Amino acid sequence: MNTIPMHRYFIKLSFDGSKFHGWQIQQNANSIQAELTKALIVLMKTEVEITGCGRTDTGVHARIFYAHFDSANIEDIDSLVHRLNAILPFEIAVQEIFQVANDTHARFTATARTYEYHVIRNKDPFLIGKAWYNINFPELEKLNKFVGILLEYEDFTSFSKLNTQTFTNNCKIFSAQWTEQYKGHLVFTIRADRFLRNMVRAIVGTLLMAAEKDLDETQFRRILDSKNRSEAGFSVPAHGLYLTKIEYPFLNK
């Protein structure tokens, strides 16, 4: 019996998460994965299973996101990209599709991920739903004095949602820093090998709490050492969070 050889393809895309309940398919809500799967099935006229590089929460955006699927040889990839963009919602854009080795995995082959969290101190109608408006946000020096401590830790249970199915709460943070992109527009950038669900939003909320309460380093370390989510700060709103980079050994992008 002859079988058609299957190849693995990566999709590079971006999306505005405002109208979606995250990446993953939900039973009673729309998602990025659901829209992309539906579009591919229509165009390729066959069942397609798509695996994403991670699971973004409701309202979170992605400037860069990768997913993979398996298919028989695609003869005209550029045409497929064009047709996908024609039928996908405006909030989802496919940049490219390319073939990779069959054992490459969008999630598990990734070596690092970068997120940004955006805060604006000044009202900006063009950033509604795209950055957290907080007129009383602390000065960056107060926040950055705690950021370096994060790099000393690997267990981030204090910043993880409860009852998740992850096998470990250990992550390696490579870098993290608050900067001012322009006057009144603040950005927290964090790069790590992996992230727990809700981790970045919980870190930002905890940094905010630490700065507002003027905690010292010992008190801040106590939060991480407690491995207790209730000891940390609140989770900041999702609409300020962006996935901005995924790194793979075979990509220099």
C-alpha atoms as a PDB file:
ATOM      1  CA  MET A   1       0.000   0.000   0.000  1.00  0.00           C
ATOM      2  CA  ASN A   2       1.471   3.347  -1.065  1.00  0.00           C
ATOM      3  CA  THR A   3       1.377   6.139   1.457  1.00  0.00           C
ATOM      4  CA  ILE A   4       1.837   9.817   0.750  1.00  0.00           C
ATOM      5  CA  PRO A   5       4.955  11.138   2.510  1.00  0.00           C
ATOM      6  CA  MET A   6       4.174  13.799   5.090  1.00  0.00           C
ATOM      7  CA  HIS A   7       6.266  16.873   5.801  1.00  0.00           C
ATOM      8  CA  ARG A   8       6.314  19.231   8.763  1.00  0.00           C
ATOM      9  CA  TYR A   9       5.654  22.910   8.184  1.00  0.00           C
ATOM     10  CA  PHE A  10       6.080  25.914  10.456  1.00  0.00           C
ATOM     11  CA  ILE A  11       3.698  28.863  10.318  1.00  0.00           C
ATOM     12  CA  LYS A  12       4.995  32.255  11.450  1.00  0.00           C
ATOM     13  CA  LEU A  13       2.146  34.554  12.436  1.00  0.00           C
ATOM     14  CA  SER A  14       1.137  37.482  14.607  1.00  0.00           C
ATOM     15  CA  PHE A  15      -2.158  38.352  16.255  1.00  0.00           C
ATOM     16  CA  ASP A  16      -4.085  40.898  18.248  1.00  0.00           C
ATOM     17  CA  GLY A  17      -5.527  38.817  21.068  1.00  0.00           C
ATOM     18  CA  SER A  18      -8.191  41.309  22.175  1.00  0.00           C
ATOM     19  CA  LYS A  19     -11.139  39.406  20.681  1.00  0.00           C
ATOM     20  CA  PHE A  20      -9.888  35.884  21.342  1.00  0.00           C
ATOM     21  CA  HIS A  21      -9.789  33.536  24.310  1.00  0.00           C
ATOM     22  CA  GLY A  22      -6.086  32.850  23.902  1.00  0.00           C
ATOM     23  CA  TRP A  23      -4.307  30.513  21.495  1.00  0.00           C
ATOM     24  CA  GLN A  24      -5.772  27.158  22.460  1.00  0.00           C
ATOM     25  CA  ILE A  25      -9.065  25.809  21.113  1.00  0.00           C
ATOM     26  CA  GLN A  26     -11.903  26.290  23.624  1.00  0.00           C
ATOM     27  CA  GLN A  27     -15.257  24.528  23.703  1.00  0.00           C
ATOM     28  CA  ASN A  28     -17.417  27.632  24.022  1.00  0.00           C
ATOM     29  CA  ALA A  29     -15.155  30.491  22.935  1.00  0.00           C
ATOM     30  CA  ASN A  30     -13.168  31.485  19.880  1.00  0.00           C
ATOM     31  CA  SER A  31      -9.383  31.177  19.771  1.00  0.00           C
ATOM     32  CA  ILE A  32      -6.438  31.795  17.463  1.00  0.00           C
ATOM     33  CA  GLN A  33      -5.849  28.068  17.022  1.00  0.00           C
ATOM     34  CA  ALA A  34      -9.501  27.506  16.088  1.00  0.00           C
ATOM     35  CA  GLU A  35      -9.462  30.230  13.421  1.00  0.00           C
ATOM     36  CA  LEU A  36      -6.172  29.043  11.910  1.00  0.00           C
ATOM     37  CA  THR A  37      -7.251  25.398  11.895  1.00  0.00           C
ATOM     38  CA  LYS A  38     -10.557  26.244  10.242  1.00  0.00           C
ATOM     39  CA  ALA A  39      -8.842  28.310   7.533  1.00  0.00           C
ATOM     40  CA  LEU A  40      -6.263  25.611   6.747  1.00  0.00           C
ATOM     41  CA  ILE A  41      -8.924  22.910   6.489  1.00  0.00           C
ATOM     42  CA  VAL A  42     -10.927  25.045   4.038  1.00  0.00           C
ATOM     43  CA  LEU A  43      -7.918  25.738   1.801  1.00  0.00           C
ATOM     44  CA  MET A  44      -6.187  22.366   1.999  1.00  0.00           C
ATOM     45  CA  LYS A  45      -9.421  20.339   1.906  1.00  0.00           C
ATOM     46  CA  THR A  46      -8.185  17.905   4.544  1.00  0.00           C
ATOM     47  CA  GLU A  47      -8.068  17.641   8.320  1.00  0.00           C
ATOM     48  CA  VAL A  48      -5.169  19.581   9.834  1.00  0.00           C
ATOM     49  CA  GLU A  49      -3.856  19.470  13.391  1.00  0.00           C
ATOM     50  CA  ILE A  50      -1.900  22.552  14.468  1.00  0.00           C
ATOM     51  CA  THR A  51       0.471  22.737  17.454  1.00  0.00           C
ATOM     52  CA  GLY A  52       1.476  26.127  18.822  1.00  0.00           C
ATOM     53  CA  CYS A  53       4.728  27.250  20.406  1.00  0.00           C
ATOM     54  CA  GLY A  54       2.891  28.076  23.619  1.00  0.00           C
ATOM     55  CA  ARG A  55      -0.452  28.861  25.160  1.00  0.00           C
ATOM     56  CA  THR A  56      -1.273  32.559  25.383  1.00  0.00           C
ATOM     57  CA  ASP A  57      -4.078  33.613  27.701  1.00  0.00           C
ATOM     58  CA  THR A  58      -7.239  35.486  26.790  1.00  0.00           C
ATOM     59  CA  GLY A  59      -6.451  38.999  25.563  1.00  0.00           C
ATOM     60  CA  VAL A  60      -2.681  38.489  25.203  1.00  0.00           C
ATOM     61  CA  HIS A  61      -1.071  39.568  21.915  1.00  0.00           C
ATOM     62  CA  ALA A  62       1.751  38.071  19.853  1.00  0.00           C
ATOM     63  CA  ARG A  63       4.021  39.996  17.523  1.00  0.00           C
ATOM     64  CA  ILE A  64       5.631  36.670  16.623  1.00  0.00           C
ATOM     65  CA  PHE A  65       4.133  33.225  17.128  1.00  0.00           C
ATOM     66  CA  TYR A  66       5.047  29.879  15.572  1.00  0.00           C
ATOM     67  CA  ALA A  67       2.943  26.776  15.057  1.00  0.00           C
ATOM     68  CA  HIS A  68       3.513  23.538  13.165  1.00  0.00           C
ATOM     69  CA  PHE A  69       1.388  21.112  11.184  1.00  0.00           C
ATOM     70  CA  ASP A  70       2.016  18.049   9.041  1.00  0.00           C
ATOM     71  CA  SER A  71       0.965  17.843   5.402  1.00  0.00           C
ATOM     72  CA  ALA A  72       1.736  16.270   2.069  1.00  0.00           C
ATOM     73  CA  ASN A  73       4.000  18.418  -0.072  1.00  0.00           C
ATOM     74  CA  ILE A  74       2.715  21.980  -0.482  1.00  0.00           C
ATOM     75  CA  GLU A  75       3.630  23.065  -4.006  1.00  0.00           C
ATOM     76  CA  ASP A  76       2.848  26.785  -3.756  1.00  0.00           C
ATOM     77  CA  ILE A  77       3.509  28.013  -0.229  1.00  0.00           C
ATOM     78  CA  ASP A  78       3.354  31.705  -1.146  1.00  0.00           C
ATOM     79  CA  SER A  79      -0.118  31.226  -2.566  1.00  0.00           C
ATOM     80  CA  LEU A  80      -1.230  29.414   0.601  1.00  0.00           C
ATOM     81  CA  VAL A  81       0.017  32.300   2.758  1.00  0.00           C
ATOM     82  CA  HIS A  82      -1.854  34.796   0.570  1.00  0.00           C
ATOM     83  CA  ARG A  83      -5.094  32.802   0.644  1.00  0.00           C
ATOM     84  CA  LEU A  84      -4.873  32.260   4.397  1.00  0.00           C
ATOM     85  CA  ASN A  85      -4.572  35.976   5.016  1.00  0.00           C
ATOM     86  CA  ALA A  86      -7.545  36.566   2.735  1.00  0.00           C
ATOM     87  CA  ILE A  87      -9.916  34.469   4.869  1.00  0.00           C
ATOM     88  CA  LEU A  88      -8.450  34.817   8.367  1.00  0.00           C
ATOM     89  CA  PRO A  89      -9.849  37.530  10.659  1.00  0.00           C
ATOM     90  CA  PHE A  90      -8.034  40.853  10.301  1.00  0.00           C
ATOM     91  CA  GLU A  91      -6.573  40.369  13.796  1.00  0.00           C
ATOM     92  CA  ILE A  92      -4.527  37.347  12.638  1.00  0.00           C
ATOM     93  CA  ALA A  93      -1.741  37.678  10.054  1.00  0.00           C
ATOM     94  CA  VAL A  94       0.434  34.904   8.598  1.00  0.00           C
ATOM     95  CA  GLN A  95       3.925  36.073   7.599  1.00  0.00           C
ATOM     96  CA  GLU A  96       5.318  32.860   6.163  1.00  0.00           C
ATOM     97  CA  ILE A  97       5.102  29.072   6.014  1.00  0.00           C
ATOM     98  CA  PHE A  98       8.225  26.967   5.613  1.00  0.00           C
ATOM     99  CA  GLN A  99       9.239  23.310   5.780  1.00  0.00           C
ATOM    100  CA  VAL A 100      11.291  22.021   8.715  1.00  0.00           C
ATOM    101  CA  ALA A 101      12.669  18.655   9.785  1.00  0.00           C
ATOM    102  CA  ASN A 102       9.924  16.220  10.712  1.00  0.00           C
ATOM    103  CA  ASP A 103      11.080  15.988  14.326  1.00  0.00           C
ATOM    104  CA  THR A 104      10.963  19.770  14.859  1.00  0.00           C
ATOM    105  CA  HIS A 105       8.340  20.852  17.385  1.00  0.00           C
ATOM    106  CA  ALA A 106       6.982  24.398  17.646  1.00  0.00           C
ATOM    107  CA  ARG A 107       6.872  24.211  21.439  1.00  0.00           C
ATOM    108  CA  PHE A 108       9.566  21.808  22.556  1.00  0.00           C
ATOM    109  CA  THR A 109      12.300  22.731  20.058  1.00  0.00           C
ATOM    110  CA  ALA A 110      12.165  26.384  21.123  1.00  0.00           C
ATOM    111  CA  THR A 111      15.145  27.433  23.249  1.00  0.00           C
ATOM    112  CA  ALA A 112      13.960  30.844  24.469  1.00  0.00           C
ATOM    113  CA  ARG A 113      10.962  33.138  24.482  1.00  0.00           C
ATOM    114  CA  THR A 114      10.667  36.887  25.020  1.00  0.00           C
ATOM    115  CA  TYR A 115       7.672  38.773  26.371  1.00  0.00           C
ATOM    116  CA  GLU A 116       7.015  42.490  26.752  1.00  0.00           C
ATOM    117  CA  TYR A 117       4.560  44.150  29.106  1.00  0.00           C
ATOM    118  CA  HIS A 118       3.504  47.680  28.163  1.00  0.00           C
ATOM    119  CA  VAL A 119       2.303  50.384  30.567  1.00  0.00           C
ATOM    120  CA  ILE A 120       1.337  53.952  29.707  1.00  0.00           C
ATOM    121  CA  ARG A 121       1.226  56.783  32.241  1.00  0.00           C
ATOM    122  CA  ASN A 122      -0.457  59.157  29.786  1.00  0.00           C
ATOM    123  CA  LYS A 123      -3.865  58.582  28.204  1.00  0.00           C
ATOM    124  CA  ASP A 124      -3.430  57.477  24.587  1.00  0.00           C
ATOM    125  CA  PRO A 125      -6.495  56.623  22.456  1.00  0.00           C
ATOM    126  CA  PHE A 126      -4.288  54.689  20.013  1.00  0.00           C
ATOM    127  CA  LEU A 127      -3.174  52.266  22.736  1.00  0.00           C
ATOM    128  CA  ILE A 128      -6.593  51.378  24.126  1.00  0.00           C
ATOM    129  CA  GLY A 129      -6.524  47.625  24.698  1.00  0.00           C
ATOM    130  CA  LYS A 130      -2.836  47.517  23.757  1.00  0.00           C
ATOM    131  CA  ALA A 131      -1.186  48.829  26.954  1.00  0.00           C
ATOM    132  CA  TRP A 132      -2.184  49.147  30.608  1.00  0.00           C
ATOM    133  CA  TYR A 133      -3.102  52.731  31.469  1.00  0.00           C
ATOM    134  CA  ASN A 134      -1.822  53.432  34.992  1.00  0.00           C
ATOM    135  CA  ILE A 135      -1.195  57.068  35.831  1.00  0.00           C
ATOM    136  CA  ASN A 136       0.318  56.223  39.238  1.00  0.00           C
ATOM    137  CA  PHE A 137       2.793  53.607  38.042  1.00  0.00           C
ATOM    138  CA  PRO A 138       6.073  53.715  40.065  1.00  0.00           C
ATOM    139  CA  GLU A 139       9.385  55.018  38.752  1.00  0.00           C
ATOM    140  CA  LEU A 140      11.463  52.414  36.919  1.00  0.00           C
ATOM    141  CA  GLU A 141      14.368  52.604  39.362  1.00  0.00           C
ATOM    142  CA  LYS A 142      12.112  51.288  42.121  1.00  0.00           C
ATOM    143  CA  LEU A 143      11.022  48.405  39.917  1.00  0.00           C
ATOM    144  CA  ASN A 144      14.418  47.507  38.458  1.00  0.00           C
ATOM    145  CA  LYS A 145      16.050  47.167  41.856  1.00  0.00           C
ATOM    146  CA  PHE A 146      14.024  43.958  42.305  1.00  0.00           C
ATOM    147  CA  VAL A 147      14.370  42.662  38.740  1.00  0.00           C
ATOM    148  CA  GLY A 148      17.966  41.475  39.148  1.00  0.00           C
ATOM    149  CA  ILE A 149      16.880  39.210  42.001  1.00  0.00           C
ATOM    150  CA  LEU A 150      14.624  37.265  39.642  1.00  0.00           C
ATOM    151  CA  LEU A 151      17.658  36.097  37.658  1.00  0.00           C
ATOM    152  CA  GLU A 152      19.026  34.338  40.741  1.00  0.00           C
ATOM    153  CA  TYR A 153      15.999  32.029  40.993  1.00  0.00           C
ATOM    154  CA  GLU A 154      14.783  29.009  39.040  1.00  0.00           C
ATOM    155  CA  ASP A 155      11.620  27.990  40.918  1.00  0.00           C
ATOM    156  CA  PHE A 156       8.816  30.443  40.137  1.00  0.00           C
ATOM    157  CA  THR A 157       5.921  28.692  41.860  1.00  0.00           C
ATOM    158  CA  SER A 158       5.024  32.022  43.489  1.00  0.00           C
ATOM    159  CA  PHE A 159       4.114  33.366  40.030  1.00  0.00           C
ATOM    160  CA  SER A 160       2.256  30.339  38.656  1.00  0.00           C
ATOM    161  CA  LYS A 161      -1.454  29.699  38.364  1.00  0.00           C
ATOM    162  CA  LEU A 162      -2.633  27.015  40.748  1.00  0.00           C
ATOM    163  CA  ASN A 163      -3.553  23.480  39.622  1.00  0.00           C
ATOM    164  CA  THR A 164      -1.689  23.587  36.314  1.00  0.00           C
ATOM    165  CA  GLN A 165      -0.471  20.411  34.622  1.00  0.00           C
ATOM    166  CA  THR A 166       3.179  21.452  34.257  1.00  0.00           C
ATOM    167  CA  PHE A 167       5.763  18.903  35.398  1.00  0.00           C
ATOM    168  CA  THR A 168       8.002  21.596  36.918  1.00  0.00           C
ATOM    169  CA  ASN A 169       7.823  25.260  37.901  1.00  0.00           C
ATOM    170  CA  ASN A 170      11.511  25.777  37.174  1.00  0.00           C
ATOM    171  CA  CYS A 171      12.454  28.311  34.503  1.00  0.00           C
ATOM    172  CA  LYS A 172      15.719  29.964  33.540  1.00  0.00           C
ATOM    173  CA  ILE A 173      15.355  33.720  33.128  1.00  0.00           C
ATOM    174  CA  PHE A 174      18.147  35.011  30.879  1.00  0.00           C
ATOM    175  CA  SER A 175      17.357  38.716  31.134  1.00  0.00           C
ATOM    176  CA  ALA A 176      14.718  41.123  32.445  1.00  0.00           C
ATOM    177  CA  GLN A 177      14.503  44.902  32.552  1.00  0.00           C
ATOM    178  CA  TRP A 178      12.148  47.870  32.708  1.00  0.00           C
ATOM    179  CA  THR A 179      12.799  50.642  30.157  1.00  0.00           C
ATOM    180  CA  GLU A 180      11.012  53.778  28.979  1.00  0.00           C
ATOM    181  CA  GLN A 181      10.265  53.375  25.275  1.00  0.00           C
ATOM    182  CA  TYR A 182       9.290  57.026  25.105  1.00  0.00           C
ATOM    183  CA  LYS A 183       7.967  59.517  27.643  1.00  0.00           C
ATOM    184  CA  GLY A 184       5.278  57.839  29.691  1.00  0.00           C
ATOM    185  CA  HIS A 185       5.407  54.530  27.772  1.00  0.00           C
ATOM    186  CA  LEU A 186       7.079  51.891  29.938  1.00  0.00           C
ATOM    187  CA  VAL A 187       8.076  48.391  28.813  1.00  0.00           C
ATOM    188  CA  PHE A 188       9.073  45.357  30.869  1.00  0.00           C
ATOM    189  CA  THR A 189      11.061  42.895  28.702  1.00  0.00           C
ATOM    190  CA  ILE A 190      11.780  39.392  29.955  1.00  0.00           C
ATOM    191  CA  ARG A 191      13.528  36.488  28.171  1.00  0.00           C
ATOM    192  CA  ALA A 192      13.569  32.915  29.471  1.00  0.00           C
ATOM    193  CA  ASP A 193      13.756  29.315  28.321  1.00  0.00           C
ATOM    194  CA  ARG A 194      10.100  28.796  29.274  1.00  0.00           C
ATOM    195  CA  PHE A 195       7.282  30.524  31.125  1.00  0.00           C
ATOM    196  CA  LEU A 196       4.570  29.288  33.447  1.00  0.00           C
ATOM    197  CA  ARG A 197       0.949  30.209  32.842  1.00  0.00           C
ATOM    198  CA  ASN A 198       0.293  33.767  34.041  1.00  0.00           C
ATOM    199  CA  MET A 199       3.947  34.106  35.097  1.00  0.00           C
ATOM    200  CA  VAL A 200       4.815  37.409  33.404  1.00  0.00           C
ATOM    201  CA  ARG A 201       1.627  39.157  34.507  1.00  0.00           C
ATOM    202  CA  ALA A 202       2.166  37.917  38.065  1.00  0.00           C
ATOM    203  CA  ILE A 203       5.796  39.106  38.056  1.00  0.00           C
ATOM    204  CA  VAL A 204       4.765  42.574  36.882  1.00  0.00           C
ATOM    205  CA  GLY A 205       2.069  42.761  39.551  1.00  0.00           C
ATOM    206  CA  THR A 206       4.525  41.650  42.218  1.00  0.00           C
ATOM    207  CA  LEU A 207       7.151  44.187  41.143  1.00  0.00           C
ATOM    208  CA  LEU A 208       4.457  46.848  41.329  1.00  0.00           C
ATOM    209  CA  MET A 209       3.414  45.735  44.809  1.00  0.00           C
ATOM    210  CA  ALA A 210       7.038  45.639  46.000  1.00  0.00           C
ATOM    211  CA  ALA A 211       7.681  49.166  44.715  1.00  0.00           C
ATOM    212  CA  GLU A 212       4.462  50.593  46.150  1.00  0.00           C
ATOM    213  CA  LYS A 213       5.077  49.041  49.582  1.00  0.00           C
ATOM    214  CA  ASP A 214       8.780  49.990  49.428  1.00  0.00           C
ATOM    215  CA  LEU A 215       9.844  46.440  50.257  1.00  0.00           C
ATOM    216  CA  ASP A 216      13.521  45.711  50.815  1.00  0.00           C
ATOM    217  CA  GLU A 217      15.418  42.923  49.033  1.00  0.00           C
ATOM    218  CA  THR A 218      14.927  40.489  51.916  1.00  0.00           C
ATOM    219  CA  GLN A 219      11.159  40.955  51.818  1.00  0.00           C
ATOM    220  CA  PHE A 220      11.092  40.508  48.059  1.00  0.00           C
ATOM    221  CA  ARG A 221      13.145  37.306  48.291  1.00  0.00           C
ATOM    222  CA  ARG A 222      10.730  36.024  50.890  1.00  0.00           C
ATOM    223  CA  ILE A 223       7.955  36.143  48.274  1.00  0.00           C
ATOM    224  CA  LEU A 224       9.930  33.946  45.863  1.00  0.00           C
ATOM    225  CA  ASP A 225      11.111  31.608  48.604  1.00  0.00           C
ATOM    226  CA  SER A 226       7.560  31.087  49.862  1.00  0.00           C
ATOM    227  CA  LYS A 227       6.547  29.302  46.617  1.00  0.00           C
ATOM    228  CA  ASN A 228       3.071  30.549  47.440  1.00  0.00           C
ATOM    229  CA  ARG A 229       1.013  32.423  44.835  1.00  0.00           C
ATOM    230  CA  SER A 230      -0.973  34.233  47.541  1.00  0.00           C
ATOM    231  CA  GLU A 231       2.238  35.862  48.825  1.00  0.00           C
ATOM    232  CA  ALA A 232       2.919  37.513  45.461  1.00  0.00           C
ATOM    233  CA  GLY A 233       1.162  40.458  43.833  1.00  0.00           C
ATOM    234  CA  PHE A 234      -1.925  40.508  41.620  1.00  0.00           C
ATOM    235  CA  SER A 235      -1.867  39.667  37.914  1.00  0.00           C
ATOM    236  CA  VAL A 236      -1.838  42.809  35.784  1.00  0.00           C
ATOM    237  CA  PRO A 237      -4.340  43.066  32.876  1.00  0.00           C
ATOM    238  CA  ALA A 238      -3.721  40.781  29.901  1.00  0.00           C
ATOM    239  CA  HIS A 239      -4.014  43.453  27.199  1.00  0.00           C
ATOM    240  CA  GLY A 240      -0.580  44.897  28.007  1.00  0.00           C
ATOM    241  CA  LEU A 241       1.248  41.609  27.363  1.00  0.00           C
ATOM    242  CA  TYR A 242       2.958  40.655  24.084  1.00  0.00           C
ATOM    243  CA  LEU A 243       4.891  37.591  22.989  1.00  0.00           C
ATOM    244  CA  THR A 244       7.633  39.177  20.881  1.00  0.00           C
ATOM    245  CA  LYS A 245      10.206  36.506  20.061  1.00  0.00           C
ATOM    246  CA  ILE A 246      10.619  32.718  19.884  1.00  0.00           C
ATOM    247  CA  GLU A 247      14.101  31.298  19.387  1.00  0.00           C
ATOM    248  CA  TYR A 248      14.955  28.020  17.657  1.00  0.00           C
ATOM    249  CA  PRO A 249      18.381  26.492  16.951  1.00  0.00           C
ATOM    250  CA  PHE A 250      17.719  26.559  13.196  1.00  0.00           C
ATOM    251  CA  LEU A 251      16.432  30.131  12.993  1.00  0.00           C
ATOM    252  CA  ASN A 252      18.437  33.350  13.220  1.00  0.00           C
ATOM    253  CA  LYS A 253      15.474  35.691  13.484  1.00  0.00           C
END
